[in-house]
């Protein structure tokens, strides 16, 4: 299973994505900080949101932030608030925001002790009985993700937010963008208990 998962990740790493940015991916973090003033109410001035329903952006890969903003702008990722926020942005704005938030340090949460055993098992080894691959294969053993493949950092992220994303992938409410096509299949293989345990576990990763 680990070999198959690794092979899939390597395959998607080389595949084309619908939201590739220009060759120059170097945004201006200082300009991004100024632009992020409108983001602070939900995501925090430094990208560490206080509300567990809203994602932490601090330390997230700039390439992933740009990809998701483009998806919101195009309507391929649905959220009324984020669509409205993304619509006025041009590519340079997105690059600048990505540069700023990626330069910030995420403040990790705490893993629920009751979720450690199952959460770590799923994150690092998956579930062979159901064909569920290990999260670590694509998102890194420490949850740091893979910026080249646009696999997001998940370590330290709010469990409430991450569990909602998995449930939305499972129900089809969130459509995969780019290399995230695998997430629909993964979420369908996960039980509610597995989703809760693994997101609780990831919340404490750093």
C-alpha atoms as a PDB file:
ATOM      1  CA  UNK A   1       0.000   0.000   0.000  1.00  0.00           C
ATOM      2  CA  UNK A   2       2.806   2.419   0.872  1.00  0.00           C
ATOM      3  CA  UNK A   3       4.458   1.737  -2.506  1.00  0.00           C
ATOM      4  CA  UNK A   4       1.192   2.383  -4.326  1.00  0.00           C
ATOM      5  CA  UNK A   5       0.584   5.591  -2.397  1.00  0.00           C
ATOM      6  CA  UNK A   6       4.108   6.825  -3.072  1.00  0.00           C
ATOM      7  CA  UNK A   7       3.726   5.980  -6.752  1.00  0.00           C
ATOM      8  CA  UNK A   8       0.485   7.990  -6.878  1.00  0.00           C
ATOM      9  CA  UNK A   9       2.125  10.975  -5.211  1.00  0.00           C
ATOM     10  CA  UNK A  10       5.031  10.874  -7.627  1.00  0.00           C
ATOM     11  CA  UNK A  11       2.604  10.637 -10.529  1.00  0.00           C
ATOM     12  CA  UNK A  12       0.544  13.618  -9.393  1.00  0.00           C
ATOM     13  CA  UNK A  13       3.686  15.595  -8.711  1.00  0.00           C
ATOM     14  CA  UNK A  14       4.494  15.475 -12.396  1.00  0.00           C
ATOM     15  CA  UNK A  15       0.962  16.002 -13.647  1.00  0.00           C
ATOM     16  CA  UNK A  16      -0.393  19.299 -14.918  1.00  0.00           C
ATOM     17  CA  UNK A  17      -2.649  21.356 -12.658  1.00  0.00           C
ATOM     18  CA  UNK A  18      -5.511  23.615 -13.581  1.00  0.00           C
ATOM     19  CA  UNK A  19      -4.272  26.475 -11.466  1.00  0.00           C
ATOM     20  CA  UNK A  20      -0.566  26.689 -12.291  1.00  0.00           C
ATOM     21  CA  UNK A  21       0.828  30.138 -11.724  1.00  0.00           C
ATOM     22  CA  UNK A  22       3.454  31.954 -13.761  1.00  0.00           C
ATOM     23  CA  UNK A  23       7.086  30.897 -13.642  1.00  0.00           C
ATOM     24  CA  UNK A  24       7.823  33.744 -11.262  1.00  0.00           C
ATOM     25  CA  UNK A  25       6.406  32.540  -7.958  1.00  0.00           C
ATOM     26  CA  UNK A  26       8.225  35.078  -5.815  1.00  0.00           C
ATOM     27  CA  UNK A  27       5.659  37.312  -4.192  1.00  0.00           C
ATOM     28  CA  UNK A  28       6.460  40.330  -2.044  1.00  0.00           C
ATOM     29  CA  UNK A  29       5.825  39.459   1.614  1.00  0.00           C
ATOM     30  CA  UNK A  30       5.820  43.135   2.661  1.00  0.00           C
ATOM     31  CA  UNK A  31       3.152  43.968   0.082  1.00  0.00           C
ATOM     32  CA  UNK A  32       1.306  40.820   1.108  1.00  0.00           C
ATOM     33  CA  UNK A  33       1.238  41.965   4.728  1.00  0.00           C
ATOM     34  CA  UNK A  34      -0.441  45.209   3.679  1.00  0.00           C
ATOM     35  CA  UNK A  35      -2.925  43.351   1.487  1.00  0.00           C
ATOM     36  CA  UNK A  36      -3.662  40.848   4.268  1.00  0.00           C
ATOM     37  CA  UNK A  37      -5.389  43.501   6.391  1.00  0.00           C
ATOM     38  CA  UNK A  38      -8.712  42.360   4.947  1.00  0.00           C
ATOM     39  CA  UNK A  39      -7.886  38.728   5.771  1.00  0.00           C
ATOM     40  CA  UNK A  40      -7.028  39.368   9.417  1.00  0.00           C
ATOM     41  CA  UNK A  41     -10.595  39.427  10.728  1.00  0.00           C
ATOM     42  CA  UNK A  42     -11.008  35.725   9.987  1.00  0.00           C
ATOM     43  CA  UNK A  43      -7.479  34.347   9.613  1.00  0.00           C
ATOM     44  CA  UNK A  44      -5.626  36.485  12.153  1.00  0.00           C
ATOM     45  CA  UNK A  45      -3.068  39.203  11.477  1.00  0.00           C
ATOM     46  CA  UNK A  46      -0.287  36.615  11.426  1.00  0.00           C
ATOM     47  CA  UNK A  47      -2.353  33.878   9.785  1.00  0.00           C
ATOM     48  CA  UNK A  48      -3.219  32.099  13.033  1.00  0.00           C
ATOM     49  CA  UNK A  49      -7.001  32.172  13.129  1.00  0.00           C
ATOM     50  CA  UNK A  50      -8.688  32.144  16.529  1.00  0.00           C
ATOM     51  CA  UNK A  51     -11.873  30.518  15.231  1.00  0.00           C
ATOM     52  CA  UNK A  52     -11.363  26.757  14.673  1.00  0.00           C
ATOM     53  CA  UNK A  53     -13.835  26.859  11.790  1.00  0.00           C
ATOM     54  CA  UNK A  54     -11.461  29.063   9.783  1.00  0.00           C
ATOM     55  CA  UNK A  55      -8.082  27.748   8.610  1.00  0.00           C
ATOM     56  CA  UNK A  56      -4.709  28.889   9.830  1.00  0.00           C
ATOM     57  CA  UNK A  57      -2.732  30.291   6.898  1.00  0.00           C
ATOM     58  CA  UNK A  58       0.519  30.840   8.772  1.00  0.00           C
ATOM     59  CA  UNK A  59       3.270  28.639   7.376  1.00  0.00           C
ATOM     60  CA  UNK A  60       1.101  27.357   4.536  1.00  0.00           C
ATOM     61  CA  UNK A  61       2.879  26.948   1.203  1.00  0.00           C
ATOM     62  CA  UNK A  62       2.603  30.029  -0.992  1.00  0.00           C
ATOM     63  CA  UNK A  63       1.898  27.855  -4.041  1.00  0.00           C
ATOM     64  CA  UNK A  64      -1.095  26.261  -2.310  1.00  0.00           C
ATOM     65  CA  UNK A  65      -2.486  29.600  -1.140  1.00  0.00           C
ATOM     66  CA  UNK A  66      -2.306  30.961  -4.688  1.00  0.00           C
ATOM     67  CA  UNK A  67      -3.925  27.824  -6.087  1.00  0.00           C
ATOM     68  CA  UNK A  68      -6.845  28.007  -3.658  1.00  0.00           C
ATOM     69  CA  UNK A  69      -7.418  31.729  -4.183  1.00  0.00           C
ATOM     70  CA  UNK A  70      -7.597  31.106  -7.918  1.00  0.00           C
ATOM     71  CA  UNK A  71     -10.055  28.266  -7.325  1.00  0.00           C
ATOM     72  CA  UNK A  72     -12.283  30.505  -5.181  1.00  0.00           C
ATOM     73  CA  UNK A  73     -12.075  33.236  -7.811  1.00  0.00           C
ATOM     74  CA  UNK A  74     -13.042  30.841 -10.595  1.00  0.00           C
ATOM     75  CA  UNK A  75     -15.888  29.365  -8.568  1.00  0.00           C
ATOM     76  CA  UNK A  76     -14.343  25.896  -8.560  1.00  0.00           C
ATOM     77  CA  UNK A  77     -14.104  25.986  -4.779  1.00  0.00           C
ATOM     78  CA  UNK A  78     -17.324  27.205  -3.208  1.00  0.00           C
ATOM     79  CA  UNK A  79     -17.540  29.603  -0.293  1.00  0.00           C
ATOM     80  CA  UNK A  80     -19.551  32.829  -0.570  1.00  0.00           C
ATOM     81  CA  UNK A  81     -17.247  34.805   1.716  1.00  0.00           C
ATOM     82  CA  UNK A  82     -13.990  33.605   0.156  1.00  0.00           C
ATOM     83  CA  UNK A  83     -15.288  34.046  -3.373  1.00  0.00           C
ATOM     84  CA  UNK A  84     -16.064  37.665  -2.584  1.00  0.00           C
ATOM     85  CA  UNK A  85     -12.630  38.162  -1.059  1.00  0.00           C
ATOM     86  CA  UNK A  86     -10.811  36.529  -3.973  1.00  0.00           C
ATOM     87  CA  UNK A  87     -12.637  38.233  -6.834  1.00  0.00           C
ATOM     88  CA  UNK A  88     -10.774  41.603  -6.695  1.00  0.00           C
ATOM     89  CA  UNK A  89      -7.342  39.976  -6.453  1.00  0.00           C
ATOM     90  CA  UNK A  90      -4.949  39.783  -9.386  1.00  0.00           C
ATOM     91  CA  UNK A  91      -2.213  37.174  -9.639  1.00  0.00           C
ATOM     92  CA  UNK A  92       0.407  39.435  -8.081  1.00  0.00           C
ATOM     93  CA  UNK A  93      -1.871  40.115  -5.115  1.00  0.00           C
ATOM     94  CA  UNK A  94      -2.225  36.366  -4.618  1.00  0.00           C
ATOM     95  CA  UNK A  95       1.512  35.811  -4.882  1.00  0.00           C
ATOM     96  CA  UNK A  96       2.112  38.554  -2.331  1.00  0.00           C
ATOM     97  CA  UNK A  97      -0.434  37.111   0.089  1.00  0.00           C
ATOM     98  CA  UNK A  98       1.086  33.677  -0.358  1.00  0.00           C
ATOM     99  CA  UNK A  99       4.556  35.051   0.347  1.00  0.00           C
ATOM    100  CA  UNK A 100       3.386  36.811   3.488  1.00  0.00           C
ATOM    101  CA  UNK A 101       1.395  34.014   5.079  1.00  0.00           C
ATOM    102  CA  UNK A 102       3.982  31.368   4.201  1.00  0.00           C
ATOM    103  CA  UNK A 103       6.598  33.450   6.026  1.00  0.00           C
ATOM    104  CA  UNK A 104       4.597  33.383   9.262  1.00  0.00           C
ATOM    105  CA  UNK A 105       4.896  30.705  11.942  1.00  0.00           C
ATOM    106  CA  UNK A 106       1.907  28.512  12.659  1.00  0.00           C
ATOM    107  CA  UNK A 107       0.891  28.077  16.274  1.00  0.00           C
ATOM    108  CA  UNK A 108       0.054  24.370  16.564  1.00  0.00           C
ATOM    109  CA  UNK A 109      -2.841  23.138  18.613  1.00  0.00           C
ATOM    110  CA  UNK A 110      -3.000  20.244  21.046  1.00  0.00           C
ATOM    111  CA  UNK A 111      -3.862  16.668  20.140  1.00  0.00           C
ATOM    112  CA  UNK A 112      -6.792  15.145  22.001  1.00  0.00           C
ATOM    113  CA  UNK A 113      -5.181  12.329  24.054  1.00  0.00           C
ATOM    114  CA  UNK A 114      -8.112  10.057  23.219  1.00  0.00           C
ATOM    115  CA  UNK A 115      -7.338  10.412  19.512  1.00  0.00           C
ATOM    116  CA  UNK A 116      -3.575   9.832  19.564  1.00  0.00           C
ATOM    117  CA  UNK A 117      -3.511   6.061  19.022  1.00  0.00           C
ATOM    118  CA  UNK A 118      -6.005   5.846  16.139  1.00  0.00           C
ATOM    119  CA  UNK A 119      -5.030   9.231  14.693  1.00  0.00           C
ATOM    120  CA  UNK A 120      -1.345   8.365  14.488  1.00  0.00           C
ATOM    121  CA  UNK A 121      -2.153   4.940  13.056  1.00  0.00           C
ATOM    122  CA  UNK A 122      -4.226   6.451  10.238  1.00  0.00           C
ATOM    123  CA  UNK A 123      -1.857   9.345   9.575  1.00  0.00           C
ATOM    124  CA  UNK A 124       1.288   7.214   9.398  1.00  0.00           C
ATOM    125  CA  UNK A 125      -0.015   3.863   8.208  1.00  0.00           C
ATOM    126  CA  UNK A 126      -3.524   4.274   6.796  1.00  0.00           C
ATOM    127  CA  UNK A 127      -5.962   1.384   6.999  1.00  0.00           C
ATOM    128  CA  UNK A 128      -4.976  -1.678   4.988  1.00  0.00           C
ATOM    129  CA  UNK A 129      -8.410  -3.282   5.394  1.00  0.00           C
ATOM    130  CA  UNK A 130     -10.186  -0.456   3.589  1.00  0.00           C
ATOM    131  CA  UNK A 131      -7.356   0.559   1.260  1.00  0.00           C
ATOM    132  CA  UNK A 132      -6.922   3.892   3.006  1.00  0.00           C
ATOM    133  CA  UNK A 133      -3.386   5.249   2.344  1.00  0.00           C
ATOM    134  CA  UNK A 134      -1.242   6.974   4.933  1.00  0.00           C
ATOM    135  CA  UNK A 135      -1.687  10.743   5.081  1.00  0.00           C
ATOM    136  CA  UNK A 136       2.051  11.117   5.693  1.00  0.00           C
ATOM    137  CA  UNK A 137       2.868   9.818   2.205  1.00  0.00           C
ATOM    138  CA  UNK A 138       1.712  13.084   0.629  1.00  0.00           C
ATOM    139  CA  UNK A 139       1.512  15.483   3.573  1.00  0.00           C
ATOM    140  CA  UNK A 140       4.920  14.628   5.124  1.00  0.00           C
ATOM    141  CA  UNK A 141       5.514  12.774   8.424  1.00  0.00           C
ATOM    142  CA  UNK A 142       5.478  16.101  10.306  1.00  0.00           C
ATOM    143  CA  UNK A 143       2.486  17.438   8.369  1.00  0.00           C
ATOM    144  CA  UNK A 144       4.533  19.939   6.359  1.00  0.00           C
ATOM    145  CA  UNK A 145       3.011  18.978   3.009  1.00  0.00           C
ATOM    146  CA  UNK A 146       4.685  19.158  -0.396  1.00  0.00           C
ATOM    147  CA  UNK A 147       4.820  22.642  -1.972  1.00  0.00           C
ATOM    148  CA  UNK A 148       5.925  21.420  -5.407  1.00  0.00           C
ATOM    149  CA  UNK A 149       2.864  19.165  -5.675  1.00  0.00           C
ATOM    150  CA  UNK A 150       0.629  21.734  -3.931  1.00  0.00           C
ATOM    151  CA  UNK A 151      -0.145  19.255  -1.159  1.00  0.00           C
ATOM    152  CA  UNK A 152      -0.883  21.569   1.788  1.00  0.00           C
ATOM    153  CA  UNK A 153       0.757  21.619   5.179  1.00  0.00           C
ATOM    154  CA  UNK A 154      -1.710  20.070   7.631  1.00  0.00           C
ATOM    155  CA  UNK A 155       0.314  19.970  10.855  1.00  0.00           C
ATOM    156  CA  UNK A 156      -1.057  22.337  13.496  1.00  0.00           C
ATOM    157  CA  UNK A 157      -4.233  23.080  11.530  1.00  0.00           C
ATOM    158  CA  UNK A 158      -7.523  23.347  13.416  1.00  0.00           C
ATOM    159  CA  UNK A 159      -9.120  19.899  13.704  1.00  0.00           C
ATOM    160  CA  UNK A 160     -12.592  21.376  13.224  1.00  0.00           C
ATOM    161  CA  UNK A 161     -11.607  22.965   9.916  1.00  0.00           C
ATOM    162  CA  UNK A 162      -9.736  19.920   8.602  1.00  0.00           C
ATOM    163  CA  UNK A 163     -12.488  17.490   9.541  1.00  0.00           C
ATOM    164  CA  UNK A 164     -15.030  19.639   7.685  1.00  0.00           C
ATOM    165  CA  UNK A 165     -12.845  19.556   4.566  1.00  0.00           C
ATOM    166  CA  UNK A 166     -12.672  15.756   4.699  1.00  0.00           C
ATOM    167  CA  UNK A 167     -16.432  15.497   5.187  1.00  0.00           C
ATOM    168  CA  UNK A 168     -16.981  17.919   2.304  1.00  0.00           C
ATOM    169  CA  UNK A 169     -14.694  15.861   0.049  1.00  0.00           C
ATOM    170  CA  UNK A 170     -16.621  12.765   1.105  1.00  0.00           C
ATOM    171  CA  UNK A 171     -20.032  14.284   0.371  1.00  0.00           C
ATOM    172  CA  UNK A 172     -18.856  15.982  -2.819  1.00  0.00           C
ATOM    173  CA  UNK A 173     -19.504  19.463  -1.408  1.00  0.00           C
ATOM    174  CA  UNK A 174     -15.850  20.311  -1.996  1.00  0.00           C
ATOM    175  CA  UNK A 175     -14.555  19.538  -5.453  1.00  0.00           C
ATOM    176  CA  UNK A 176     -10.873  18.571  -5.683  1.00  0.00           C
ATOM    177  CA  UNK A 177      -8.598  21.096  -7.362  1.00  0.00           C
ATOM    178  CA  UNK A 178      -5.446  20.092  -9.222  1.00  0.00           C
ATOM    179  CA  UNK A 179      -3.543  17.263  -7.537  1.00  0.00           C
ATOM    180  CA  UNK A 180      -6.162  16.988  -4.797  1.00  0.00           C
ATOM    181  CA  UNK A 181      -8.224  14.557  -6.907  1.00  0.00           C
ATOM    182  CA  UNK A 182      -7.081  11.762  -4.601  1.00  0.00           C
ATOM    183  CA  UNK A 183      -8.795  13.400  -1.629  1.00  0.00           C
ATOM    184  CA  UNK A 184     -12.274  12.411  -2.757  1.00  0.00           C
ATOM    185  CA  UNK A 185     -11.306   8.722  -2.870  1.00  0.00           C
ATOM    186  CA  UNK A 186      -9.465   8.954   0.438  1.00  0.00           C
ATOM    187  CA  UNK A 187     -12.358  10.637   2.250  1.00  0.00           C
ATOM    188  CA  UNK A 188     -14.804   8.013   0.984  1.00  0.00           C
ATOM    189  CA  UNK A 189     -12.686   5.330   2.650  1.00  0.00           C
ATOM    190  CA  UNK A 190     -12.734   7.073   6.035  1.00  0.00           C
ATOM    191  CA  UNK A 191     -15.205   6.475   8.837  1.00  0.00           C
ATOM    192  CA  UNK A 192     -16.397   9.357  11.000  1.00  0.00           C
ATOM    193  CA  UNK A 193     -14.251   8.035  13.861  1.00  0.00           C
ATOM    194  CA  UNK A 194     -11.172   7.963  11.613  1.00  0.00           C
ATOM    195  CA  UNK A 195     -11.796  11.516  10.404  1.00  0.00           C
ATOM    196  CA  UNK A 196     -12.112  12.793  13.964  1.00  0.00           C
ATOM    197  CA  UNK A 197      -9.065  10.904  15.212  1.00  0.00           C
ATOM    198  CA  UNK A 198      -6.711  11.851  12.384  1.00  0.00           C
ATOM    199  CA  UNK A 199      -7.693  15.539  12.373  1.00  0.00           C
ATOM    200  CA  UNK A 200      -7.295  15.695  16.157  1.00  0.00           C
ATOM    201  CA  UNK A 201      -3.856  14.122  15.711  1.00  0.00           C
ATOM    202  CA  UNK A 202      -2.799  16.504  12.924  1.00  0.00           C
ATOM    203  CA  UNK A 203      -3.826  19.494  15.031  1.00  0.00           C
ATOM    204  CA  UNK A 204      -0.942  18.726  17.381  1.00  0.00           C
ATOM    205  CA  UNK A 205       1.670  17.994  14.704  1.00  0.00           C
ATOM    206  CA  UNK A 206       4.516  20.484  14.313  1.00  0.00           C
END
